[in-house]
Amino acid sequence: QVQLVESGGGLVQAGGSLNLSCTSSRSLRRITTVAWYRQAPGKQREPVARMISPIRTLYADSVKGRFTISRDNAKNMIYLQMNSLKVEDTAVYYCNVVSEAVYWGQGTQVTVSS
């Protein structure tokens, strides 16, 4: 079992920044794939950023150049730095890890106002 707890969401104006954090109850050292997903009202959950190896990251086209995923294995933390936020980035953001199963956090709300 892996428990994930996200934090750092909130209300921000368009053009602003937020840094989301995700704390894992298990060491991340043996977990290869970590990711952030988001789900806007009335839409399906979608991948935002994925780190599938220490040197390979994938981003949704809509966030490329604005969002950065990172991890700190020593602290069991996963981060999502979000810059130049847009109204359409408004969603609940979920942390995700893939180990022997797929684990999700409870989500953190990000609201971007115009």
Protein backbone atom coordinates (compact mmCIF):
# COMPACT_ATOMS: atom_id res chain seq x y z
CA GLN A 1 0.00 0.00 0.00
CA VAL A 2 1.10 3.51 -0.81
CA GLN A 3 -0.66 6.53 0.61
CA LEU A 4 -0.28 9.81 -1.23
CA VAL A 5 -1.20 13.22 0.13
CA GLU A 6 -1.21 16.27 -2.12
CA SER A 7 -0.90 19.87 -0.99
CA GLY A 8 -0.23 23.29 -2.43
CA GLY A 9 -3.40 23.89 -4.38
CA GLY A 10 -5.38 27.08 -4.12
CA LEU A 11 -6.71 30.12 -5.93
CA VAL A 12 -4.36 32.06 -8.18
CA GLN A 13 -4.74 34.67 -10.88
CA ALA A 14 -3.98 33.85 -14.49
CA GLY A 15 -0.27 34.19 -15.12
CA GLY A 16 0.60 33.19 -11.58
CA SER A 17 2.38 30.14 -10.22
CA LEU A 18 1.74 27.31 -7.82
CA ASN A 19 3.92 24.47 -6.61
CA LEU A 20 2.06 21.27 -5.78
CA SER A 21 3.58 18.71 -3.45
CA CYS A 22 2.80 15.05 -2.92
CA THR A 23 4.01 13.09 0.07
CA SER A 24 4.34 9.34 -0.28
CA SER A 25 4.04 6.96 2.67
CA ARG A 26 6.47 4.61 0.98
CA SER A 27 9.99 5.25 -0.16
CA LEU A 28 10.11 6.37 -3.76
CA ARG A 29 13.51 4.85 -4.38
CA ARG A 30 12.08 1.71 -6.00
CA ILE A 31 9.14 3.41 -7.66
CA THR A 32 9.95 4.29 -11.24
CA THR A 33 6.83 5.97 -12.51
CA VAL A 34 5.35 8.98 -10.76
CA ALA A 35 2.88 11.38 -12.29
CA TRP A 36 0.40 14.18 -11.89
CA TYR A 37 -3.09 14.01 -13.37
CA ARG A 38 -5.94 16.49 -13.33
CA GLN A 39 -9.68 16.42 -13.66
CA ALA A 40 -11.73 19.46 -14.57
CA PRO A 41 -15.49 19.58 -13.91
CA GLY A 42 -17.37 17.48 -16.43
CA LYS A 43 -14.18 16.10 -17.96
CA GLN A 44 -12.20 12.91 -17.70
CA ARG A 45 -9.06 12.67 -15.65
CA GLU A 46 -6.05 13.35 -17.84
CA PRO A 47 -2.29 13.02 -17.43
CA VAL A 48 -0.45 16.29 -16.97
CA ALA A 49 3.12 15.21 -16.33
CA ARG A 50 4.79 11.86 -15.93
CA MET A 51 8.27 10.88 -14.86
CA ILE A 52 8.81 7.37 -16.17
CA SER A 53 12.51 7.21 -15.44
CA PRO A 54 15.03 9.45 -13.70
CA ILE A 55 15.80 11.17 -16.98
CA ARG A 56 12.59 10.85 -18.95
CA THR A 57 9.57 13.05 -18.41
CA LEU A 58 6.44 13.44 -20.49
CA TYR A 59 4.09 16.40 -20.51
CA ALA A 60 0.68 17.08 -21.93
CA ASP A 61 0.95 19.46 -24.88
CA SER A 62 -1.20 21.98 -23.04
CA VAL A 63 1.35 22.37 -20.22
CA LYS A 64 4.69 21.95 -22.00
CA GLY A 65 7.06 24.74 -21.13
CA ARG A 66 4.93 25.84 -18.17
CA PHE A 67 4.83 22.84 -15.80
CA THR A 68 7.72 20.85 -14.37
CA ILE A 69 7.51 17.54 -12.53
CA SER A 70 10.24 16.59 -10.11
CA ARG A 71 10.87 14.22 -7.24
CA ASP A 72 12.98 14.01 -4.12
CA ASN A 73 13.49 10.35 -3.24
CA ALA A 74 15.19 11.23 0.03
CA LYS A 75 12.05 13.02 1.20
CA ASN A 76 9.55 10.74 -0.55
CA MET A 77 8.14 13.80 -2.31
CA ILE A 78 6.81 14.51 -5.79
CA TYR A 79 6.37 18.06 -7.02
CA LEU A 80 4.61 19.88 -9.81
CA GLN A 81 5.79 23.43 -10.45
CA MET A 82 3.14 25.27 -12.42
CA ASN A 83 3.96 28.61 -14.02
CA SER A 84 2.06 30.94 -16.33
CA LEU A 85 -1.19 29.42 -15.16
CA LYS A 86 -4.25 29.74 -17.35
CA VAL A 87 -7.94 29.64 -16.52
CA GLU A 88 -8.16 26.31 -18.34
CA ASP A 89 -5.69 24.80 -15.86
CA THR A 90 -8.44 24.89 -13.24
CA ALA A 91 -8.98 21.34 -12.01
CA VAL A 92 -8.41 18.93 -9.18
CA TYR A 93 -4.83 17.70 -9.40
CA TYR A 94 -3.94 14.16 -8.38
CA CYS A 95 -0.63 12.57 -7.56
CA ASN A 96 -0.07 9.09 -8.97
CA VAL A 97 2.54 6.37 -8.54
CA VAL A 98 2.82 2.97 -10.16
CA SER A 99 4.30 0.20 -8.07
CA GLU A 100 2.74 -3.24 -7.64
CA ALA A 101 -0.52 -1.35 -8.17
CA VAL A 102 -1.62 2.11 -9.19
CA TYR A 103 -2.03 4.54 -6.32
CA TRP A 104 -3.77 7.91 -6.19
CA GLY A 105 -3.88 10.77 -3.76
CA GLN A 106 -7.11 12.46 -2.73
CA GLY A 107 -6.47 15.47 -4.96
CA THR A 108 -5.90 19.17 -4.44
CA GLN A 109 -8.00 21.89 -6.03
CA VAL A 110 -6.33 24.44 -8.31
CA THR A 111 -8.46 27.37 -9.38
CA VAL A 112 -7.13 29.97 -11.81
CA SER A 113 -9.09 33.18 -12.09
CA SER A 114 -9.04 35.59 -15.02
